[in-house]
Structure formats: C-alpha cells, structure tokens
C-alpha cells in the first residue's frame, strides 16, 4: 500500500516514486527484503498509485510548444 505522507503505522519500504524504480525493486525482490517477509508481497496497489501519479503529472503539464516557438522567433 502506498503511503506518500509516511504516516501509516508499521514497517515500510522507501521507493523512488517512479514506475521504473518500482519495476527494478520487484525484479530485485527488494520489497521482500526491506519488509523482512518470507514471500513476495502483493505490491499491485503501489504500482497503481505510481501509474496514477504519472498520469496526473503529465496532464498537469501545460503545452509549452507555442511559447517555445514564439521565443525562438525573437
């Protein structure tokens, strides 16, 4: 479960909030080691959170193409 504000009780694992970092952590079985578990945890909610975060960030970015073209013309 993602806890971006780090307020939930219990042991946690820090992760750079990118899908690439998540995929590498899964590949290296880092969640299991960090959380000291006997088997791989279900981290699908973390992936969903990261994918949603990525979608939000790309939709918030304004299109600066027109502004860049105006600056280049000057």
PDB file of N, CA and C in Angstrom:
ATOM      1  N   UNK A   1       0.844  -1.173   0.000  1.00  0.00           N
ATOM      2  CA  UNK A   1       0.000   0.000   0.000  1.00  0.00           C
ATOM      3  C   UNK A   1       0.893   1.241   0.000  1.00  0.00           C
ATOM      4  N   UNK A   2       0.589   2.154  -0.856  1.00  0.00           N
ATOM      5  CA  UNK A   2       1.365   3.394  -0.938  1.00  0.00           C
ATOM      6  C   UNK A   2       1.012   4.310   0.232  1.00  0.00           C
ATOM      7  N   UNK A   3       2.015   4.935   0.798  1.00  0.00           N
ATOM      8  CA  UNK A   3       1.841   5.869   1.912  1.00  0.00           C
ATOM      9  C   UNK A   3       2.709   7.100   1.653  1.00  0.00           C
ATOM     10  N   UNK A   4       2.300   7.954   0.706  1.00  0.00           N
ATOM     11  CA  UNK A   4       3.150   9.084   0.308  1.00  0.00           C
ATOM     12  C   UNK A   4       3.453  10.066   1.433  1.00  0.00           C
ATOM     13  N   UNK A   5       2.602  10.146   2.453  1.00  0.00           N
ATOM     14  CA  UNK A   5       2.853  11.074   3.557  1.00  0.00           C
ATOM     15  C   UNK A   5       3.612  10.421   4.706  1.00  0.00           C
ATOM     16  N   UNK A   6       3.869   9.117   4.601  1.00  0.00           N
ATOM     17  CA  UNK A   6       4.625   8.363   5.615  1.00  0.00           C
ATOM     18  C   UNK A   6       4.005   8.493   7.005  1.00  0.00           C
ATOM     19  N   UNK A   7       2.698   8.293   7.093  1.00  0.00           N
ATOM     20  CA  UNK A   7       2.016   8.410   8.375  1.00  0.00           C
ATOM     21  C   UNK A   7       1.414   7.089   8.863  1.00  0.00           C
ATOM     22  N   UNK A   8       1.420   6.066   8.046  1.00  0.00           N
ATOM     23  CA  UNK A   8       0.821   4.797   8.450  1.00  0.00           C
ATOM     24  C   UNK A   8       1.733   4.070   9.437  1.00  0.00           C
ATOM     25  N   UNK A   9       1.138   3.357  10.386  1.00  0.00           N
ATOM     26  CA  UNK A   9       1.954   2.629  11.354  1.00  0.00           C
ATOM     27  C   UNK A   9       2.587   1.385  10.725  1.00  0.00           C
ATOM     28  N   UNK A  10       3.660   0.934  11.312  1.00  0.00           N
ATOM     29  CA  UNK A  10       4.283  -0.301  10.863  1.00  0.00           C
ATOM     30  C   UNK A  10       5.529  -0.072  10.038  1.00  0.00           C
ATOM     31  N   UNK A  11       6.125  -1.163   9.667  1.00  0.00           N
ATOM     32  CA  UNK A  11       7.355  -1.131   8.884  1.00  0.00           C
ATOM     33  C   UNK A  11       7.039  -0.765   7.439  1.00  0.00           C
ATOM     34  N   UNK A  12       7.874   0.026   6.828  1.00  0.00           N
ATOM     35  CA  UNK A  12       7.671   0.428   5.446  1.00  0.00           C
ATOM     36  C   UNK A  12       8.926   0.248   4.621  1.00  0.00           C
ATOM     37  N   UNK A  13       8.794   0.496   3.343  1.00  0.00           N
ATOM     38  CA  UNK A  13       9.933   0.426   2.429  1.00  0.00           C
ATOM     39  C   UNK A  13       9.929   1.698   1.590  1.00  0.00           C
ATOM     40  N   UNK A  14      11.052   2.373   1.531  1.00  0.00           N
ATOM     41  CA  UNK A  14      11.163   3.593   0.742  1.00  0.00           C
ATOM     42  C   UNK A  14      11.402   3.239  -0.711  1.00  0.00           C
ATOM     43  N   UNK A  15      10.793   4.005  -1.607  1.00  0.00           N
ATOM     44  CA  UNK A  15      10.923   3.762  -3.038  1.00  0.00           C
ATOM     45  C   UNK A  15      10.868   5.094  -3.768  1.00  0.00           C
ATOM     46  N   UNK A  16      11.766   5.297  -4.702  1.00  0.00           N
ATOM     47  CA  UNK A  16      11.683   6.474  -5.565  1.00  0.00           C
ATOM     48  C   UNK A  16      10.351   6.372  -6.312  1.00  0.00           C
ATOM     49  N   UNK A  17       9.546   7.426  -6.299  1.00  0.00           N
ATOM     50  CA  UNK A  17       8.185   7.308  -6.846  1.00  0.00           C
ATOM     51  C   UNK A  17       8.110   7.315  -8.374  1.00  0.00           C
ATOM     52  N   UNK A  18       8.722   6.305  -8.989  1.00  0.00           N
ATOM     53  CA  UNK A  18       8.624   6.142 -10.436  1.00  0.00           C
ATOM     54  C   UNK A  18       8.306   4.681 -10.740  1.00  0.00           C
ATOM     55  N   UNK A  19       7.684   4.454 -11.877  1.00  0.00           N
ATOM     56  CA  UNK A  19       7.369   3.088 -12.286  1.00  0.00           C
ATOM     57  C   UNK A  19       8.658   2.312 -12.554  1.00  0.00           C
ATOM     58  N   UNK A  20       9.661   2.973 -13.106  1.00  0.00           N
ATOM     59  CA  UNK A  20      10.944   2.309 -13.359  1.00  0.00           C
ATOM     60  C   UNK A  20      11.567   1.784 -12.063  1.00  0.00           C
ATOM     61  N   UNK A  21      11.550   2.606 -11.016  1.00  0.00           N
ATOM     62  CA  UNK A  21      12.108   2.187  -9.729  1.00  0.00           C
ATOM     63  C   UNK A  21      11.299   1.032  -9.151  1.00  0.00           C
ATOM     64  N   UNK A  22       9.983   1.094  -9.308  1.00  0.00           N
ATOM     65  CA  UNK A  22       9.121   0.009  -8.833  1.00  0.00           C
ATOM     66  C   UNK A  22       9.465  -1.297  -9.542  1.00  0.00           C
ATOM     67  N   UNK A  23       9.567  -1.251 -10.859  1.00  0.00           N
ATOM     68  CA  UNK A  23       9.861  -2.469 -11.629  1.00  0.00           C
ATOM     69  C   UNK A  23      11.214  -3.052 -11.242  1.00  0.00           C
ATOM     70  N   UNK A  24      12.201  -2.203 -11.002  1.00  0.00           N
ATOM     71  CA  UNK A  24      13.508  -2.682 -10.577  1.00  0.00           C
ATOM     72  C   UNK A  24      13.431  -3.318  -9.183  1.00  0.00           C
ATOM     73  N   UNK A  25      12.667  -2.704  -8.291  1.00  0.00           N
ATOM     74  CA  UNK A  25      12.512  -3.255  -6.940  1.00  0.00           C
ATOM     75  C   UNK A  25      11.839  -4.621  -6.978  1.00  0.00           C
ATOM     76  N   UNK A  26      10.845  -4.779  -7.837  1.00  0.00           N
ATOM     77  CA  UNK A  26      10.176  -6.079  -7.975  1.00  0.00           C
ATOM     78  C   UNK A  26      11.150  -7.103  -8.533  1.00  0.00           C
ATOM     79  N   UNK A  27      11.887  -6.720  -9.553  1.00  0.00           N
ATOM     80  CA  UNK A  27      12.844  -7.628 -10.178  1.00  0.00           C
ATOM     81  C   UNK A  27      13.910  -8.088  -9.175  1.00  0.00           C
ATOM     82  N   UNK A  28      14.365  -7.176  -8.335  1.00  0.00           N
ATOM     83  CA  UNK A  28      15.418  -7.494  -7.360  1.00  0.00           C
ATOM     84  C   UNK A  28      14.860  -8.053  -6.049  1.00  0.00           C
ATOM     85  N   UNK A  29      13.533  -8.163  -5.962  1.00  0.00           N
ATOM     86  CA  UNK A  29      12.859  -8.657  -4.750  1.00  0.00           C
ATOM     87  C   UNK A  29      13.187  -7.789  -3.530  1.00  0.00           C
ATOM     88  N   UNK A  30      13.259  -6.508  -3.771  1.00  0.00           N
ATOM     89  CA  UNK A  30      13.635  -5.565  -2.716  1.00  0.00           C
ATOM     90  C   UNK A  30      12.528  -5.379  -1.677  1.00  0.00           C
ATOM     91  N   UNK A  31      11.268  -5.481  -2.084  1.00  0.00           N
ATOM     92  CA  UNK A  31      10.173  -5.308  -1.123  1.00  0.00           C
ATOM     93  C   UNK A  31      10.232  -6.410  -0.063  1.00  0.00           C
ATOM     94  N   UNK A  32      10.445  -7.611  -0.505  1.00  0.00           N
ATOM     95  CA  UNK A  32      10.515  -8.750   0.417  1.00  0.00           C
ATOM     96  C   UNK A  32      11.625  -8.544   1.442  1.00  0.00           C
ATOM     97  N   UNK A  33      12.801  -8.140   0.979  1.00  0.00           N
ATOM     98  CA  UNK A  33      13.927  -7.923   1.886  1.00  0.00           C
ATOM     99  C   UNK A  33      13.679  -6.740   2.820  1.00  0.00           C
ATOM    100  N   UNK A  34      13.209  -5.639   2.264  1.00  0.00           N
ATOM    101  CA  UNK A  34      13.004  -4.430   3.076  1.00  0.00           C
ATOM    102  C   UNK A  34      11.939  -4.640   4.149  1.00  0.00           C
ATOM    103  N   UNK A  35      10.924  -5.402   3.814  1.00  0.00           N
ATOM    104  CA  UNK A  35       9.834  -5.633   4.756  1.00  0.00           C
ATOM    105  C   UNK A  35      10.046  -6.878   5.614  1.00  0.00           C
ATOM    106  N   UNK A  36      11.154  -7.590   5.352  1.00  0.00           N
ATOM    107  CA  UNK A  36      11.518  -8.802   6.104  1.00  0.00           C
ATOM    108  C   UNK A  36      10.399  -9.838   6.085  1.00  0.00           C
ATOM    109  N   UNK A  37       9.972 -10.176   4.868  1.00  0.00           N
ATOM    110  CA  UNK A  37       8.888 -11.147   4.696  1.00  0.00           C
ATOM    111  C   UNK A  37       9.427 -12.475   4.192  1.00  0.00           C
ATOM    112  N   UNK A  38       8.643 -13.532   4.383  1.00  0.00           N
ATOM    113  CA  UNK A  38       9.024 -14.860   3.909  1.00  0.00           C
ATOM    114  C   UNK A  38       8.686 -15.065   2.433  1.00  0.00           C
ATOM    115  N   UNK A  39       7.769 -14.267   1.906  1.00  0.00           N
ATOM    116  CA  UNK A  39       7.379 -14.391   0.496  1.00  0.00           C
ATOM    117  C   UNK A  39       7.161 -13.001  -0.084  1.00  0.00           C
ATOM    118  N   UNK A  40       7.019 -12.961  -1.396  1.00  0.00           N
ATOM    119  CA  UNK A  40       6.825 -11.675  -2.079  1.00  0.00           C
ATOM    120  C   UNK A  40       5.468 -11.072  -1.704  1.00  0.00           C
ATOM    121  N   UNK A  41       5.432  -9.793  -1.316  1.00  0.00           N
ATOM    122  CA  UNK A  41       4.155  -9.141  -1.006  1.00  0.00           C
ATOM    123  C   UNK A  41       3.413  -8.742  -2.279  1.00  0.00           C
ATOM    124  N   UNK A  42       2.122  -8.551  -2.150  1.00  0.00           N
ATOM    125  CA  UNK A  42       1.318  -8.044  -3.260  1.00  0.00           C
ATOM    126  C   UNK A  42       1.515  -6.535  -3.310  1.00  0.00           C
ATOM    127  N   UNK A  43       2.219  -6.070  -4.317  1.00  0.00           N
ATOM    128  CA  UNK A  43       2.531  -4.639  -4.434  1.00  0.00           C
ATOM    129  C   UNK A  43       1.750  -3.975  -5.561  1.00  0.00           C
ATOM    130  N   UNK A  44       0.683  -4.604  -6.000  1.00  0.00           N
ATOM    131  CA  UNK A  44      -0.091  -4.070  -7.124  1.00  0.00           C
ATOM    132  C   UNK A  44      -0.682  -2.692  -6.810  1.00  0.00           C
ATOM    133  N   UNK A  45      -1.053  -2.441  -5.562  1.00  0.00           N
ATOM    134  CA  UNK A  45      -1.607  -1.125  -5.219  1.00  0.00           C
ATOM    135  C   UNK A  45      -0.543  -0.030  -5.333  1.00  0.00           C
ATOM    136  N   UNK A  46       0.706  -0.377  -5.072  1.00  0.00           N
ATOM    137  CA  UNK A  46       1.800   0.593  -5.221  1.00  0.00           C
ATOM    138  C   UNK A  46       1.968   0.947  -6.696  1.00  0.00           C
ATOM    139  N   UNK A  47       1.935  -0.071  -7.556  1.00  0.00           N
ATOM    140  CA  UNK A  47       2.049   0.176  -8.996  1.00  0.00           C
ATOM    141  C   UNK A  47       0.893   1.043  -9.484  1.00  0.00           C
ATOM    142  N   UNK A  48      -0.323   0.751  -9.046  1.00  0.00           N
ATOM    143  CA  UNK A  48      -1.485   1.556  -9.448  1.00  0.00           C
ATOM    144  C   UNK A  48      -1.320   3.010  -9.001  1.00  0.00           C
ATOM    145  N   UNK A  49      -0.824   3.201  -7.779  1.00  0.00           N
ATOM    146  CA  UNK A  49      -0.595   4.556  -7.277  1.00  0.00           C
ATOM    147  C   UNK A  49       0.420   5.287  -8.153  1.00  0.00           C
ATOM    148  N   UNK A  50       1.524   4.616  -8.476  1.00  0.00           N
ATOM    149  CA  UNK A  50       2.571   5.241  -9.288  1.00  0.00           C
ATOM    150  C   UNK A  50       2.081   5.552 -10.692  1.00  0.00           C
ATOM    151  N   UNK A  51       1.307   4.657 -11.280  1.00  0.00           N
ATOM    152  CA  UNK A  51       0.765   4.908 -12.620  1.00  0.00           C
ATOM    153  C   UNK A  51      -0.207   6.080 -12.599  1.00  0.00           C
ATOM    154  N   UNK A  52      -1.025   6.169 -11.569  1.00  0.00           N
ATOM    155  CA  UNK A  52      -1.944   7.305 -11.428  1.00  0.00           C
ATOM    156  C   UNK A  52      -1.202   8.598 -11.216  1.00  0.00           C
ATOM    157  N   UNK A  53      -0.150   8.536 -10.446  1.00  0.00           N
ATOM    158  CA  UNK A  53       0.672   9.725 -10.188  1.00  0.00           C
ATOM    159  C   UNK A  53       1.319  10.220 -11.472  1.00  0.00           C
ATOM    160  N   UNK A  54       1.794   9.293 -12.281  1.00  0.00           N
ATOM    161  CA  UNK A  54       2.415   9.642 -13.553  1.00  0.00           C
ATOM    162  C   UNK A  54       1.390  10.280 -14.483  1.00  0.00           C
ATOM    163  N   UNK A  55       0.189   9.708 -14.526  1.00  0.00           N
ATOM    164  CA  UNK A  55      -0.867  10.251 -15.382  1.00  0.00           C
ATOM    165  C   UNK A  55      -1.258  11.657 -14.949  1.00  0.00           C
ATOM    166  N   UNK A  56      -1.337  11.884 -13.639  1.00  0.00           N
ATOM    167  CA  UNK A  56      -1.676  13.211 -13.125  1.00  0.00           C
ATOM    168  C   UNK A  56      -0.621  14.240 -13.510  1.00  0.00           C
ATOM    169  N   UNK A  57       0.628  13.862 -13.377  1.00  0.00           N
ATOM    170  CA  UNK A  57       1.718  14.797 -13.652  1.00  0.00           C
ATOM    171  C   UNK A  57       1.774  15.171 -15.128  1.00  0.00           C
ATOM    172  N   UNK A  58       1.511  14.228 -16.018  1.00  0.00           N
ATOM    173  CA  UNK A  58       1.561  14.552 -17.443  1.00  0.00           C
ATOM    174  C   UNK A  58       0.370  15.394 -17.851  1.00  0.00           C
ATOM    175  N   UNK A  59      -0.787  15.212 -17.202  1.00  0.00           N
ATOM    176  CA  UNK A  59      -1.951  16.012 -17.562  1.00  0.00           C
ATOM    177  C   UNK A  59      -1.863  17.424 -16.995  1.00  0.00           C
ATOM    178  N   UNK A  60      -1.080  17.628 -15.943  1.00  0.00           N
ATOM    179  CA  UNK A  60      -0.926  18.949 -15.347  1.00  0.00           C
ATOM    180  C   UNK A  60       0.059  19.827 -16.100  1.00  0.00           C
ATOM    181  N   UNK A  61       0.931  19.225 -16.873  1.00  0.00           N
ATOM    182  CA  UNK A  61       1.947  19.990 -17.587  1.00  0.00           C
ATOM    183  C   UNK A  61       1.318  20.757 -18.747  1.00  0.00           C
ATOM    184  N   UNK A  62       1.534  22.059 -18.791  1.00  0.00           N
ATOM    185  CA  UNK A  62       0.999  22.827 -19.912  1.00  0.00           C
ATOM    186  C   UNK A  62       1.821  22.562 -21.176  1.00  0.00           C
ATOM    187  N   UNK A  63       1.179  22.694 -22.303  1.00  0.00           N
ATOM    188  CA  UNK A  63       1.873  22.522 -23.573  1.00  0.00           C
ATOM    189  C   UNK A  63       2.659  23.801 -23.838  1.00  0.00           C
ATOM    190  N   UNK A  64       3.959  23.712 -23.831  1.00  0.00           N
ATOM    191  CA  UNK A  64       4.819  24.887 -23.989  1.00  0.00           C
ATOM    192  C   UNK A  64       5.365  25.019 -25.408  1.00  0.00           C
ATOM    193  N   UNK A  65       4.845  24.228 -26.324  1.00  0.00           N
ATOM    194  CA  UNK A  65       5.335  24.272 -27.699  1.00  0.00           C
ATOM    195  C   UNK A  65       5.140  25.656 -28.305  1.00  0.00           C
ATOM    196  N   UNK A  66       3.945  26.200 -28.162  1.00  0.00           N
ATOM    197  CA  UNK A  66       3.647  27.510 -28.738  1.00  0.00           C
ATOM    198  C   UNK A  66       4.538  28.588 -28.123  1.00  0.00           C
ATOM    199  N   UNK A  67       4.708  28.545 -26.820  1.00  0.00           N
ATOM    200  CA  UNK A  67       5.561  29.520 -26.145  1.00  0.00           C
ATOM    201  C   UNK A  67       7.008  29.388 -26.623  1.00  0.00           C
ATOM    202  N   UNK A  68       7.495  28.183 -26.763  1.00  0.00           N
ATOM    203  CA  UNK A  68       8.869  27.967 -27.222  1.00  0.00           C
ATOM    204  C   UNK A  68       9.052  28.482 -28.643  1.00  0.00           C
ATOM    205  N   UNK A  69       8.063  28.274 -29.497  1.00  0.00           N
ATOM    206  CA  UNK A  69       8.149  28.754 -30.880  1.00  0.00           C
ATOM    207  C   UNK A  69       8.200  30.274 -30.926  1.00  0.00           C
ATOM    208  N   UNK A  70       7.406  30.947 -30.066  1.00  0.00           N
ATOM    209  CA  UNK A  70       7.427  32.396 -30.029  1.00  0.00           C
ATOM    210  C   UNK A  70       8.792  32.914 -29.581  1.00  0.00           C
ATOM    211  N   UNK A  71       9.369  32.261 -28.593  1.00  0.00           N
ATOM    212  CA  UNK A  71      10.670  32.690 -28.099  1.00  0.00           C
ATOM    213  C   UNK A  71      11.757  32.475 -29.132  1.00  0.00           C
ATOM    214  N   UNK A  72      11.644  31.412 -29.899  1.00  0.00           N
ATOM    215  CA  UNK A  72      12.647  31.120 -30.909  1.00  0.00           C
ATOM    216  C   UNK A  72      12.562  32.107 -32.076  1.00  0.00           C
ATOM    217  N   UNK A  73      11.373  32.651 -32.332  1.00  0.00           N
ATOM    218  CA  UNK A  73      11.201  33.610 -33.413  1.00  0.00           C
ATOM    219  C   UNK A  73      11.823  34.959 -33.077  1.00  0.00           C
ATOM    220  N   UNK A  74      11.988  35.248 -31.822  1.00  0.00           N
ATOM    221  CA  UNK A  74      12.529  36.563 -31.419  1.00  0.00           C
ATOM    222  C   UNK A  74      14.016  36.613 -31.525  1.00  0.00           C
TER     223      UNK A  74
END
